[in-house]
C-alpha atoms as a PDB file:
ATOM      1  CA  UNK A   1      -9.072 -14.702 -11.108  1.00  0.00           C
ATOM      2  CA  UNK A   2      -6.368 -14.324 -13.757  1.00  0.00           C
ATOM      3  CA  UNK A   3      -8.448 -16.153 -16.359  1.00  0.00           C
ATOM      4  CA  UNK A   4     -11.567 -14.147 -15.539  1.00  0.00           C
ATOM      5  CA  UNK A   5      -9.819 -10.873 -16.284  1.00  0.00           C
ATOM      6  CA  UNK A   6      -7.528 -12.237 -19.018  1.00  0.00           C
ATOM      7  CA  UNK A   7      -4.384 -11.294 -17.086  1.00  0.00           C
ATOM      8  CA  UNK A   8      -1.679 -13.486 -18.586  1.00  0.00           C
ATOM      9  CA  UNK A   9       1.038 -12.965 -15.956  1.00  0.00           C
ATOM     10  CA  UNK A  10       0.523 -13.828 -12.246  1.00  0.00           C
ATOM     11  CA  UNK A  11       1.724 -10.497 -10.874  1.00  0.00           C
ATOM     12  CA  UNK A  12      -0.143  -7.582  -9.307  1.00  0.00           C
ATOM     13  CA  UNK A  13       1.431  -4.138  -9.101  1.00  0.00           C
ATOM     14  CA  UNK A  14       0.900  -3.172  -5.467  1.00  0.00           C
ATOM     15  CA  UNK A  15      -1.512  -0.253  -4.911  1.00  0.00           C
ATOM     16  CA  UNK A  16       0.885   2.153  -3.217  1.00  0.00           C
ATOM     17  CA  UNK A  17      -1.185   5.097  -1.972  1.00  0.00           C
ATOM     18  CA  UNK A  18       0.443   8.475  -2.412  1.00  0.00           C
ATOM     19  CA  UNK A  19       3.113   7.327  -4.888  1.00  0.00           C
ATOM     20  CA  UNK A  20       1.300   5.362  -7.609  1.00  0.00           C
ATOM     21  CA  UNK A  21       0.408   7.454 -10.663  1.00  0.00           C
ATOM     22  CA  UNK A  22      -1.729   6.709 -13.736  1.00  0.00           C
ATOM     23  CA  UNK A  23       1.432   6.221 -15.818  1.00  0.00           C
ATOM     24  CA  UNK A  24       2.662   3.384 -13.569  1.00  0.00           C
ATOM     25  CA  UNK A  25      -0.748   1.677 -13.481  1.00  0.00           C
ATOM     26  CA  UNK A  26      -1.090   1.927 -17.280  1.00  0.00           C
ATOM     27  CA  UNK A  27       2.431   0.564 -17.818  1.00  0.00           C
ATOM     28  CA  UNK A  28       1.661  -2.344 -15.488  1.00  0.00           C
ATOM     29  CA  UNK A  29      -1.556  -3.233 -17.318  1.00  0.00           C
ATOM     30  CA  UNK A  30       0.154  -3.002 -20.687  1.00  0.00           C
ATOM     31  CA  UNK A  31       2.937  -5.297 -19.423  1.00  0.00           C
ATOM     32  CA  UNK A  32       0.348  -8.029 -18.883  1.00  0.00           C
ATOM     33  CA  UNK A  33      -0.029  -7.785 -15.109  1.00  0.00           C
ATOM     34  CA  UNK A  34      -2.768  -6.288 -12.931  1.00  0.00           C
ATOM     35  CA  UNK A  35      -2.198  -2.580 -12.354  1.00  0.00           C
ATOM     36  CA  UNK A  36      -3.592  -1.080  -9.146  1.00  0.00           C
ATOM     37  CA  UNK A  37      -4.603   2.433  -8.134  1.00  0.00           C
ATOM     38  CA  UNK A  38      -3.678   3.256  -4.529  1.00  0.00           C
ATOM     39  CA  UNK A  39      -6.568   5.588  -3.691  1.00  0.00           C
ATOM     40  CA  UNK A  40      -6.124   5.637   0.090  1.00  0.00           C
ATOM     41  CA  UNK A  41      -5.286   9.343   0.353  1.00  0.00           C
ATOM     42  CA  UNK A  42      -7.630  10.594  -2.385  1.00  0.00           C
ATOM     43  CA  UNK A  43     -11.150  11.980  -2.106  1.00  0.00           C
ATOM     44  CA  UNK A  44     -14.015  10.910  -4.348  1.00  0.00           C
ATOM     45  CA  UNK A  45     -13.331  13.443  -7.112  1.00  0.00           C
ATOM     46  CA  UNK A  46      -9.599  12.684  -7.237  1.00  0.00           C
ATOM     47  CA  UNK A  47     -10.333   8.934  -7.285  1.00  0.00           C
ATOM     48  CA  UNK A  48     -12.640   9.424 -10.288  1.00  0.00           C
ATOM     49  CA  UNK A  49     -10.015  11.549 -12.072  1.00  0.00           C
ATOM     50  CA  UNK A  50      -7.338   8.901 -11.478  1.00  0.00           C
ATOM     51  CA  UNK A  51      -9.602   6.085 -12.752  1.00  0.00           C
ATOM     52  CA  UNK A  52     -10.509   8.030 -15.885  1.00  0.00           C
ATOM     53  CA  UNK A  53      -6.842   8.822 -16.573  1.00  0.00           C
ATOM     54  CA  UNK A  54      -6.004   5.105 -16.431  1.00  0.00           C
ATOM     55  CA  UNK A  55      -8.956   4.263 -18.712  1.00  0.00           C
ATOM     56  CA  UNK A  56      -7.600   6.683 -21.307  1.00  0.00           C
ATOM     57  CA  UNK A  57      -4.234   4.910 -21.319  1.00  0.00           C
ATOM     58  CA  UNK A  58      -5.297   1.264 -21.346  1.00  0.00           C
ATOM     59  CA  UNK A  59      -8.309  -0.923 -22.054  1.00  0.00           C
ATOM     60  CA  UNK A  60      -6.965  -3.663 -19.769  1.00  0.00           C
ATOM     61  CA  UNK A  61      -8.581  -4.394 -16.372  1.00  0.00           C
ATOM     62  CA  UNK A  62      -7.153  -2.711 -13.285  1.00  0.00           C
ATOM     63  CA  UNK A  63      -7.901  -2.509  -9.572  1.00  0.00           C
ATOM     64  CA  UNK A  64      -8.607   0.302  -7.124  1.00  0.00           C
ATOM     65  CA  UNK A  65      -7.472  -0.067  -3.513  1.00  0.00           C
ATOM     66  CA  UNK A  66      -9.337   1.702  -0.692  1.00  0.00           C
ATOM     67  CA  UNK A  67      -8.496   2.172   2.977  1.00  0.00           C
ATOM     68  CA  UNK A  68     -11.225   0.941   5.332  1.00  0.00           C
ATOM     69  CA  UNK A  69     -11.314   3.832   7.785  1.00  0.00           C
ATOM     70  CA  UNK A  70     -12.224   4.035  11.429  1.00  0.00           C
ATOM     71  CA  UNK A  71     -12.707   7.542  12.771  1.00  0.00           C
ATOM     72  CA  UNK A  72     -10.045   8.055  15.447  1.00  0.00           C
ATOM     73  CA  UNK A  73     -10.956   9.309  18.893  1.00  0.00           C
ATOM     74  CA  UNK A  74      -9.195  12.632  19.287  1.00  0.00           C
ATOM     75  CA  UNK A  75      -7.374  12.946  22.603  1.00  0.00           C
ATOM     76  CA  UNK A  76      -6.307  16.592  22.763  1.00  0.00           C
ATOM     77  CA  UNK A  77      -3.477  15.861  25.202  1.00  0.00           C
ATOM     78  CA  UNK A  78      -2.020  13.117  22.965  1.00  0.00           C
ATOM     79  CA  UNK A  79      -2.382  15.335  19.907  1.00  0.00           C
ATOM     80  CA  UNK A  80      -0.500  18.146  21.657  1.00  0.00           C
ATOM     81  CA  UNK A  81       2.295  15.802  22.759  1.00  0.00           C
ATOM     82  CA  UNK A  82       2.612  14.513  19.176  1.00  0.00           C
ATOM     83  CA  UNK A  83       2.890  18.126  17.936  1.00  0.00           C
ATOM     84  CA  UNK A  84       5.571  18.912  20.534  1.00  0.00           C
ATOM     85  CA  UNK A  85       7.592  15.856  19.445  1.00  0.00           C
ATOM     86  CA  UNK A  86       7.530  17.120  15.846  1.00  0.00           C
ATOM     87  CA  UNK A  87       8.332  20.761  16.684  1.00  0.00           C
ATOM     88  CA  UNK A  88      12.148  20.473  16.327  1.00  0.00           C
ATOM     89  CA  UNK A  89      11.678  19.120  12.788  1.00  0.00           C
ATOM     90  CA  UNK A  90       9.194  21.864  11.887  1.00  0.00           C
ATOM     91  CA  UNK A  91      11.837  24.305  13.118  1.00  0.00           C
ATOM     92  CA  UNK A  92      14.670  22.701  11.143  1.00  0.00           C
ATOM     93  CA  UNK A  93      12.615  22.919   7.962  1.00  0.00           C
ATOM     94  CA  UNK A  94      11.449  26.428   8.855  1.00  0.00           C
ATOM     95  CA  UNK A  95       7.740  25.624   8.479  1.00  0.00           C
ATOM     96  CA  UNK A  96       4.764  26.339  10.697  1.00  0.00           C
ATOM     97  CA  UNK A  97       3.409  23.389  12.704  1.00  0.00           C
ATOM     98  CA  UNK A  98       0.127  21.923  11.479  1.00  0.00           C
ATOM     99  CA  UNK A  99      -2.809  23.163  13.529  1.00  0.00           C
ATOM    100  CA  UNK A 100      -5.810  21.423  11.939  1.00  0.00           C
ATOM    101  CA  UNK A 101      -6.021  17.651  11.689  1.00  0.00           C
ATOM    102  CA  UNK A 102      -9.706  17.134  10.952  1.00  0.00           C
ATOM    103  CA  UNK A 103     -10.075  13.908   8.996  1.00  0.00           C
ATOM    104  CA  UNK A 104     -12.577  14.125   6.149  1.00  0.00           C
ATOM    105  CA  UNK A 105     -14.661  11.013   5.495  1.00  0.00           C
ATOM    106  CA  UNK A 106     -14.096  10.226   1.808  1.00  0.00           C
ATOM    107  CA  UNK A 107     -14.508   6.452   1.898  1.00  0.00           C
ATOM    108  CA  UNK A 108     -18.213   6.354   1.007  1.00  0.00           C
ATOM    109  CA  UNK A 109     -17.604   8.777  -1.884  1.00  0.00           C
ATOM    110  CA  UNK A 110     -14.824   6.545  -3.195  1.00  0.00           C
ATOM    111  CA  UNK A 111     -16.985   3.420  -3.027  1.00  0.00           C
ATOM    112  CA  UNK A 112     -19.648   5.131  -5.112  1.00  0.00           C
ATOM    113  CA  UNK A 113     -17.038   6.248  -7.661  1.00  0.00           C
ATOM    114  CA  UNK A 114     -15.694   2.679  -8.003  1.00  0.00           C
ATOM    115  CA  UNK A 115     -19.256   1.480  -8.706  1.00  0.00           C
ATOM    116  CA  UNK A 116     -20.090   4.391 -11.056  1.00  0.00           C
ATOM    117  CA  UNK A 117     -16.891   3.924 -13.052  1.00  0.00           C
ATOM    118  CA  UNK A 118     -17.465   0.157 -13.306  1.00  0.00           C
ATOM    119  CA  UNK A 119     -13.994  -0.656 -12.013  1.00  0.00           C
ATOM    120  CA  UNK A 120     -13.670  -4.444 -12.379  1.00  0.00           C
ATOM    121  CA  UNK A 121     -11.617  -5.103  -9.217  1.00  0.00           C
ATOM    122  CA  UNK A 122     -11.606  -3.351  -5.832  1.00  0.00           C
ATOM    123  CA  UNK A 123      -9.233  -4.252  -3.018  1.00  0.00           C
ATOM    124  CA  UNK A 124      -9.273  -3.154   0.615  1.00  0.00           C
ATOM    125  CA  UNK A 125      -6.666  -2.525   3.285  1.00  0.00           C
ATOM    126  CA  UNK A 126      -6.967  -1.914   7.073  1.00  0.00           C
ATOM    127  CA  UNK A 127     -10.158  -3.874   7.514  1.00  0.00           C
ATOM    128  CA  UNK A 128     -13.347  -5.306   6.066  1.00  0.00           C
ATOM    129  CA  UNK A 129     -16.152  -3.189   4.562  1.00  0.00           C
ATOM    130  CA  UNK A 130     -19.662  -3.582   5.936  1.00  0.00           C
ATOM    131  CA  UNK A 131     -21.909  -6.340   4.655  1.00  0.00           C
ATOM    132  CA  UNK A 132     -24.044  -3.722   2.889  1.00  0.00           C
ATOM    133  CA  UNK A 133     -21.010  -2.276   1.107  1.00  0.00           C
ATOM    134  CA  UNK A 134     -19.871  -5.737   0.018  1.00  0.00           C
ATOM    135  CA  UNK A 135     -23.369  -6.455  -1.312  1.00  0.00           C
ATOM    136  CA  UNK A 136     -23.332  -3.198  -3.322  1.00  0.00           C
ATOM    137  CA  UNK A 137     -19.979  -4.070  -4.880  1.00  0.00           C
ATOM    138  CA  UNK A 138     -21.080  -7.597  -5.727  1.00  0.00           C
ATOM    139  CA  UNK A 139     -24.339  -6.305  -7.216  1.00  0.00           C
ATOM    140  CA  UNK A 140     -22.149  -4.197  -9.517  1.00  0.00           C
ATOM    141  CA  UNK A 141     -20.164  -7.335 -10.508  1.00  0.00           C
ATOM    142  CA  UNK A 142     -16.992  -5.998  -8.904  1.00  0.00           C
ATOM    143  CA  UNK A 143     -14.397  -8.582  -7.850  1.00  0.00           C
ATOM    144  CA  UNK A 144     -13.280  -7.797  -4.292  1.00  0.00           C
ATOM    145  CA  UNK A 145      -9.944  -8.563  -2.670  1.00  0.00           C
ATOM    146  CA  UNK A 146      -9.114  -8.238   1.029  1.00  0.00           C
ATOM    147  CA  UNK A 147      -5.794  -7.910   2.835  1.00  0.00           C
ATOM    148  CA  UNK A 148      -4.667 -10.148   5.697  1.00  0.00           C
ATOM    149  CA  UNK A 149      -1.538 -10.424   7.807  1.00  0.00           C
ATOM    150  CA  UNK A 150      -2.574 -13.542   9.773  1.00  0.00           C
ATOM    151  CA  UNK A 151      -4.590 -16.742   9.253  1.00  0.00           C
ATOM    152  CA  UNK A 152      -7.337 -15.299  11.467  1.00  0.00           C
ATOM    153  CA  UNK A 153      -7.621 -12.215   9.234  1.00  0.00           C
ATOM    154  CA  UNK A 154      -7.596 -14.323   6.044  1.00  0.00           C
ATOM    155  CA  UNK A 155     -10.459 -16.424   7.402  1.00  0.00           C
ATOM    156  CA  UNK A 156     -12.370 -13.267   8.334  1.00  0.00           C
ATOM    157  CA  UNK A 157     -11.889 -11.931   4.790  1.00  0.00           C
ATOM    158  CA  UNK A 158     -13.235 -15.185   3.328  1.00  0.00           C
ATOM    159  CA  UNK A 159     -16.169 -15.281   5.761  1.00  0.00           C
ATOM    160  CA  UNK A 160     -17.135 -11.745   4.745  1.00  0.00           C
ATOM    161  CA  UNK A 161     -17.613 -12.897   1.144  1.00  0.00           C
ATOM    162  CA  UNK A 162     -14.465 -11.610  -0.541  1.00  0.00           C
ATOM    163  CA  UNK A 163     -13.344 -13.209  -3.813  1.00  0.00           C
ATOM    164  CA  UNK A 164      -9.613 -13.333  -2.952  1.00  0.00           C
ATOM    165  CA  UNK A 165      -7.149 -12.297  -0.264  1.00  0.00           C
ATOM    166  CA  UNK A 166      -3.703 -10.691  -0.312  1.00  0.00           C
ATOM    167  CA  UNK A 167      -1.450 -12.241   2.329  1.00  0.00           C
ATOM    168  CA  UNK A 168       0.898  -9.476   3.425  1.00  0.00           C
ATOM    169  CA  UNK A 169       4.083 -10.856   4.943  1.00  0.00           C
ATOM    170  CA  UNK A 170       6.243  -8.998   7.443  1.00  0.00           C
ATOM    171  CA  UNK A 171       8.803  -8.104   4.736  1.00  0.00           C
ATOM    172  CA  UNK A 172       6.322  -5.851   2.912  1.00  0.00           C
ATOM    173  CA  UNK A 173       7.043  -2.165   2.481  1.00  0.00           C
ATOM    174  CA  UNK A 174       4.462   0.465   3.391  1.00  0.00           C
ATOM    175  CA  UNK A 175       1.572   0.140   5.825  1.00  0.00           C
ATOM    176  CA  UNK A 176       0.700  -3.074   7.567  1.00  0.00           C
ATOM    177  CA  UNK A 177      -2.788  -4.166   6.543  1.00  0.00           C
ATOM    178  CA  UNK A 178      -3.414  -5.499  10.057  1.00  0.00           C
ATOM    179  CA  UNK A 179      -6.939  -5.087  11.426  1.00  0.00           C
ATOM    180  CA  UNK A 180      -6.860  -7.402  14.457  1.00  0.00           C
ATOM    181  CA  UNK A 181      -4.803  -7.074  17.621  1.00  0.00           C
ATOM    182  CA  UNK A 182      -2.089  -7.707  18.480  1.00  0.00           C
ATOM    183  CA  UNK A 183       0.185  -6.852  15.544  1.00  0.00           C
ATOM    184  CA  UNK A 184       1.907 -10.033  14.350  1.00  0.00           C
ATOM    185  CA  UNK A 185       4.919 -10.140  12.031  1.00  0.00           C
ATOM    186  CA  UNK A 186       4.786 -13.344  10.012  1.00  0.00           C
ATOM    187  CA  UNK A 187       6.990 -13.778   6.954  1.00  0.00           C
ATOM    188  CA  UNK A 188       5.362 -14.172   3.550  1.00  0.00           C
ATOM    189  CA  UNK A 189       6.541 -17.770   3.244  1.00  0.00           C
ATOM    190  CA  UNK A 190       5.299 -18.747   6.706  1.00  0.00           C
ATOM    191  CA  UNK A 191       1.981 -16.964   6.152  1.00  0.00           C
ATOM    192  CA  UNK A 192       1.451 -18.989   2.971  1.00  0.00           C
ATOM    193  CA  UNK A 193       2.187 -22.185   4.913  1.00  0.00           C
ATOM    194  CA  UNK A 194      -0.372 -21.221   7.574  1.00  0.00           C
ATOM    195  CA  UNK A 195      -3.136 -20.087   5.194  1.00  0.00           C
ATOM    196  CA  UNK A 196      -2.977 -22.323   2.103  1.00  0.00           C
ATOM    197  CA  UNK A 197      -5.534 -25.076   2.589  1.00  0.00           C
ATOM    198  CA  UNK A 198      -7.312 -23.161   5.359  1.00  0.00           C
ATOM    199  CA  UNK A 199      -9.233 -20.841   3.011  1.00  0.00           C
ATOM    200  CA  UNK A 200     -10.919 -21.728  -0.283  1.00  0.00           C
ATOM    201  CA  UNK A 201     -10.579 -18.340  -2.000  1.00  0.00           C
ATOM    202  CA  UNK A 202      -7.527 -17.500  -4.158  1.00  0.00           C
ATOM    203  CA  UNK A 203      -4.498 -16.307  -2.218  1.00  0.00           C
ATOM    204  CA  UNK A 204      -2.103 -13.577  -3.408  1.00  0.00           C
ATOM    205  CA  UNK A 205       1.364 -13.489  -1.818  1.00  0.00           C
ATOM    206  CA  UNK A 206       2.857 -10.096  -0.932  1.00  0.00           C
ATOM    207  CA  UNK A 207       5.882  -8.920   0.996  1.00  0.00           C
ATOM    208  CA  UNK A 208       9.506  -8.644  -0.041  1.00  0.00           C
ATOM    209  CA  UNK A 209       9.003 -10.361  -3.397  1.00  0.00           C
ATOM    210  CA  UNK A 210      11.830  -9.129  -5.622  1.00  0.00           C
ATOM    211  CA  UNK A 211      13.280 -12.108  -7.508  1.00  0.00           C
ATOM    212  CA  UNK A 212      12.133 -14.780  -9.956  1.00  0.00           C
ATOM    213  CA  UNK A 213      12.895 -17.516  -7.432  1.00  0.00           C
ATOM    214  CA  UNK A 214      10.651 -15.854  -4.829  1.00  0.00           C
ATOM    215  CA  UNK A 215       7.835 -15.641  -7.380  1.00  0.00           C
ATOM    216  CA  UNK A 216       8.275 -19.332  -8.286  1.00  0.00           C
ATOM    217  CA  UNK A 217       8.330 -20.363  -4.624  1.00  0.00           C
ATOM    218  CA  UNK A 218       5.141 -18.444  -3.804  1.00  0.00           C
ATOM    219  CA  UNK A 219       3.287 -19.917  -6.779  1.00  0.00           C
ATOM    220  CA  UNK A 220       4.601 -23.393  -5.961  1.00  0.00           C
ATOM    221  CA  UNK A 221       3.264 -23.013  -2.400  1.00  0.00           C
ATOM    222  CA  UNK A 222      -0.204 -22.414  -3.791  1.00  0.00           C
ATOM    223  CA  UNK A 223      -0.477 -18.666  -4.338  1.00  0.00           C
ATOM    224  CA  UNK A 224      -2.571 -17.671  -7.364  1.00  0.00           C
ATOM    225  CA  UNK A 225      -0.405 -14.589  -7.934  1.00  0.00           C
ATOM    226  CA  UNK A 226       2.154 -12.368  -6.225  1.00  0.00           C
ATOM    227  CA  UNK A 227       1.849  -8.673  -5.413  1.00  0.00           C
ATOM    228  CA  UNK A 228       4.974  -6.576  -5.924  1.00  0.00           C
ATOM    229  CA  UNK A 229       5.531  -2.994  -4.789  1.00  0.00           C
ATOM    230  CA  UNK A 230       9.081  -1.783  -4.166  1.00  0.00           C
ATOM    231  CA  UNK A 231      10.479  -3.242  -7.399  1.00  0.00           C
ATOM    232  CA  UNK A 232       8.049  -1.081  -9.402  1.00  0.00           C
ATOM    233  CA  UNK A 233       8.829   2.117  -7.494  1.00  0.00           C
ATOM    234  CA  UNK A 234      12.156   2.335  -9.339  1.00  0.00           C
ATOM    235  CA  UNK A 235      10.622   1.601 -12.741  1.00  0.00           C
ATOM    236  CA  UNK A 236      11.275   4.130 -15.505  1.00  0.00           C
ATOM    237  CA  UNK A 237       7.513   4.805 -15.556  1.00  0.00           C
ATOM    238  CA  UNK A 238       7.355   5.431 -11.806  1.00  0.00           C
ATOM    239  CA  UNK A 239       7.016   9.117 -10.998  1.00  0.00           C
ATOM    240  CA  UNK A 240       8.206   9.073  -7.398  1.00  0.00           C
ATOM    241  CA  UNK A 241      10.724  11.774  -6.509  1.00  0.00           C
ATOM    242  CA  UNK A 242      14.375  11.284  -7.516  1.00  0.00           C
ATOM    243  CA  UNK A 243      15.172  11.317  -3.774  1.00  0.00           C
ATOM    244  CA  UNK A 244      12.888   8.341  -3.223  1.00  0.00           C
ATOM    245  CA  UNK A 245      14.204   6.339  -6.187  1.00  0.00           C
ATOM    246  CA  UNK A 246      17.777   7.024  -5.160  1.00  0.00           C
ATOM    247  CA  UNK A 247      17.051   5.913  -1.589  1.00  0.00           C
ATOM    248  CA  UNK A 248      15.723   2.555  -2.826  1.00  0.00           C
ATOM    249  CA  UNK A 249      18.511   1.998  -5.352  1.00  0.00           C
ATOM    250  CA  UNK A 250      21.173   2.834  -2.763  1.00  0.00           C
ATOM    251  CA  UNK A 251      19.578   0.860   0.076  1.00  0.00           C
ATOM    252  CA  UNK A 252      21.397  -2.106   1.532  1.00  0.00           C
ATOM    253  CA  UNK A 253      20.290  -5.251   3.334  1.00  0.00           C
ATOM    254  CA  UNK A 254      18.558  -4.737   6.696  1.00  0.00           C
ATOM    255  CA  UNK A 255      18.045  -0.973   6.371  1.00  0.00           C
ATOM    256  CA  UNK A 256      14.270  -0.840   6.907  1.00  0.00           C
ATOM    257  CA  UNK A 257      12.233  -0.416  10.065  1.00  0.00           C
ATOM    258  CA  UNK A 258       8.596  -0.520  11.196  1.00  0.00           C
ATOM    259  CA  UNK A 259       7.441   2.880  12.393  1.00  0.00           C
ATOM    260  CA  UNK A 260       4.248   4.670  13.399  1.00  0.00           C
ATOM    261  CA  UNK A 261       6.000   8.056  13.360  1.00  0.00           C
ATOM    262  CA  UNK A 262       4.751   9.263   9.968  1.00  0.00           C
ATOM    263  CA  UNK A 263       1.091   8.245  10.010  1.00  0.00           C
ATOM    264  CA  UNK A 264       0.162   6.697  13.350  1.00  0.00           C
ATOM    265  CA  UNK A 265      -0.099   3.229  11.794  1.00  0.00           C
ATOM    266  CA  UNK A 266       2.777   0.767  11.502  1.00  0.00           C
ATOM    267  CA  UNK A 267       4.530   0.923   8.135  1.00  0.00           C
ATOM    268  CA  UNK A 268       7.863  -0.400   6.844  1.00  0.00           C
ATOM    269  CA  UNK A 269      10.308   2.056   5.334  1.00  0.00           C
ATOM    270  CA  UNK A 270      13.918   3.148   5.276  1.00  0.00           C
ATOM    271  CA  UNK A 271      15.347   3.803   8.714  1.00  0.00           C
ATOM    272  CA  UNK A 272      16.355   7.482   8.820  1.00  0.00           C
ATOM    273  CA  UNK A 273      16.759  10.447  11.148  1.00  0.00           C
ATOM    274  CA  UNK A 274      12.994  10.950  11.412  1.00  0.00           C
ATOM    275  CA  UNK A 275      12.204   7.353  12.374  1.00  0.00           C
ATOM    276  CA  UNK A 276      15.043   7.285  14.908  1.00  0.00           C
ATOM    277  CA  UNK A 277      14.180  10.622  16.562  1.00  0.00           C
ATOM    278  CA  UNK A 278      10.516   9.671  16.872  1.00  0.00           C
ATOM    279  CA  UNK A 279      11.178   6.085  17.971  1.00  0.00           C
ATOM    280  CA  UNK A 280      10.000   6.658  21.556  1.00  0.00           C
ATOM    281  CA  UNK A 281       7.878   9.764  20.981  1.00  0.00           C
ATOM    282  CA  UNK A 282       4.136  10.082  21.499  1.00  0.00           C
ATOM    283  CA  UNK A 283       2.382   9.575  18.158  1.00  0.00           C
ATOM    284  CA  UNK A 284      -1.195  10.566  17.336  1.00  0.00           C
ATOM    285  CA  UNK A 285      -3.502   7.792  16.031  1.00  0.00           C
ATOM    286  CA  UNK A 286      -3.907   7.245  12.301  1.00  0.00           C
ATOM    287  CA  UNK A 287      -4.708   9.300  10.255  1.00  0.00           C
ATOM    288  CA  UNK A 288      -4.126  12.298  12.573  1.00  0.00           C
ATOM    289  CA  UNK A 289      -0.352  11.732  12.676  1.00  0.00           C
ATOM    290  CA  UNK A 290      -0.425  11.588   8.879  1.00  0.00           C
ATOM    291  CA  UNK A 291      -1.957  15.070   8.799  1.00  0.00           C
ATOM    292  CA  UNK A 292       0.611  16.353  11.309  1.00  0.00           C
ATOM    293  CA  UNK A 293       3.515  15.175   9.144  1.00  0.00           C
ATOM    294  CA  UNK A 294       2.282  15.917   5.601  1.00  0.00           C
ATOM    295  CA  UNK A 295       3.866  19.382   5.582  1.00  0.00           C
ATOM    296  CA  UNK A 296       7.160  17.920   6.844  1.00  0.00           C
ATOM    297  CA  UNK A 297       7.255  15.401   4.014  1.00  0.00           C
ATOM    298  CA  UNK A 298       6.322  17.939   1.339  1.00  0.00           C
ATOM    299  CA  UNK A 299       8.906  20.472   2.472  1.00  0.00           C
ATOM    300  CA  UNK A 300      11.584  17.795   2.872  1.00  0.00           C
ATOM    301  CA  UNK A 301      11.100  16.869  -0.780  1.00  0.00           C
ATOM    302  CA  UNK A 302      11.417  20.525  -1.807  1.00  0.00           C
ATOM    303  CA  UNK A 303      14.555  21.006   0.304  1.00  0.00           C
ATOM    304  CA  UNK A 304      16.107  17.683  -0.711  1.00  0.00           C
ATOM    305  CA  UNK A 305      16.095  16.330   2.853  1.00  0.00           C
ATOM    306  CA  UNK A 306      15.536  12.525   2.635  1.00  0.00           C
ATOM    307  CA  UNK A 307      16.240  12.194   6.367  1.00  0.00           C
ATOM    308  CA  UNK A 308      12.698  13.468   7.070  1.00  0.00           C
ATOM    309  CA  UNK A 309      10.849  11.568   4.316  1.00  0.00           C
ATOM    310  CA  UNK A 310       8.645   8.491   4.621  1.00  0.00           C
ATOM    311  CA  UNK A 311      10.584   6.283   2.228  1.00  0.00           C
ATOM    312  CA  UNK A 312       8.384   3.197   2.254  1.00  0.00           C
ATOM    313  CA  UNK A 313      10.118   0.078   0.935  1.00  0.00           C
ATOM    314  CA  UNK A 314      10.211  -3.647   1.596  1.00  0.00           C
ATOM    315  CA  UNK A 315      12.979  -5.611   3.284  1.00  0.00           C
ATOM    316  CA  UNK A 316      14.419  -6.622  -0.089  1.00  0.00           C
ATOM    317  CA  UNK A 317      14.647  -3.075  -1.452  1.00  0.00           C
ATOM    318  CA  UNK A 318      18.369  -3.591  -2.040  1.00  0.00           C
ATOM    319  CA  UNK A 319      17.485  -6.019  -4.860  1.00  0.00           C
ATOM    320  CA  UNK A 320      15.503  -3.423  -6.849  1.00  0.00           C
ATOM    321  CA  UNK A 321      16.945  -2.281 -10.174  1.00  0.00           C
ATOM    322  CA  UNK A 322      15.849   0.580 -12.401  1.00  0.00           C
ATOM    323  CA  UNK A 323      14.231  -0.653 -15.638  1.00  0.00           C
ATOM    324  CA  UNK A 324      10.938  -0.407 -17.495  1.00  0.00           C
ATOM    325  CA  UNK A 325       7.901  -2.070 -15.931  1.00  0.00           C
ATOM    326  CA  UNK A 326       7.873  -4.600 -18.778  1.00  0.00           C
ATOM    327  CA  UNK A 327      11.520  -5.509 -18.162  1.00  0.00           C
ATOM    328  CA  UNK A 328      10.980  -5.822 -14.405  1.00  0.00           C
ATOM    329  CA  UNK A 329       8.027  -8.155 -15.052  1.00  0.00           C
ATOM    330  CA  UNK A 330      10.105 -10.218 -17.484  1.00  0.00           C
ATOM    331  CA  UNK A 331      12.892 -10.509 -14.895  1.00  0.00           C
ATOM    332  CA  UNK A 332      10.432 -11.658 -12.212  1.00  0.00           C
ATOM    333  CA  UNK A 333       9.034 -14.371 -14.454  1.00  0.00           C
ATOM    334  CA  UNK A 334      12.332 -15.823 -15.704  1.00  0.00           C
END
């Protein structure tokens, strides 16, 4: 994979939807690693704009990551209970509760954009595209990467015809890529032990990777590359909010939690007032809960209220240090 795309360093910048910007992807590509666009929350037009912005800044290969979506069944009673649980926070921020949570299907538009723009690599999270979609991508000579959190999922990704698989360990920040029940939390190291030798496609290790020794260990276990997210969020080129960067840089060991409260799908982030208040609350299914909380997150940023923000980060966030992308890469490969 690395040879095919002339990527000389075995690191992938994780495609962090909602926080990755063209500047970060460009800086990653220019540092000799694979930069990735997290397009999960974009529509077709915005995905095209993002891709074209990256093309203007680098001639190196990059990836686009898409969310494989399932249309949620809307239970009005559950939706109302989820709204009621959020009402005190709407009130504290002095904003009106969200009324409309219609989820627009943008996935097919995005797939077409990836093909039209001749993106060399496309990765997927939350599931496996249809056989027809995989055939279309392969016909366009696009290298496809799946995401798995268990051996069973990795084998399903291989059986579907993917070229490689990201193994997402339990330490990973952001959304779990799980697409089979029940949710299992397997560490990155243990997942590598379970999967290496059981699939023939290249394996990419992800989850809590923040030091050179962790990179060496993953590669020694048989991973082709590692995928790193949190460490790049505090890069000079990262354009996340100062509140977010500060939260990562000031985080300490064992300060993250898995929560469905922000989006309706399990994701790892900093434990805060929001995650604790909503711990036992009724939550709407993904992505409806995401729509219910978008206004809360936007207004919290404006008001400087990190206690209500989704501050996604991995278990080793406390090891992250602010530096340029190039310097972070150099540190990881020492």
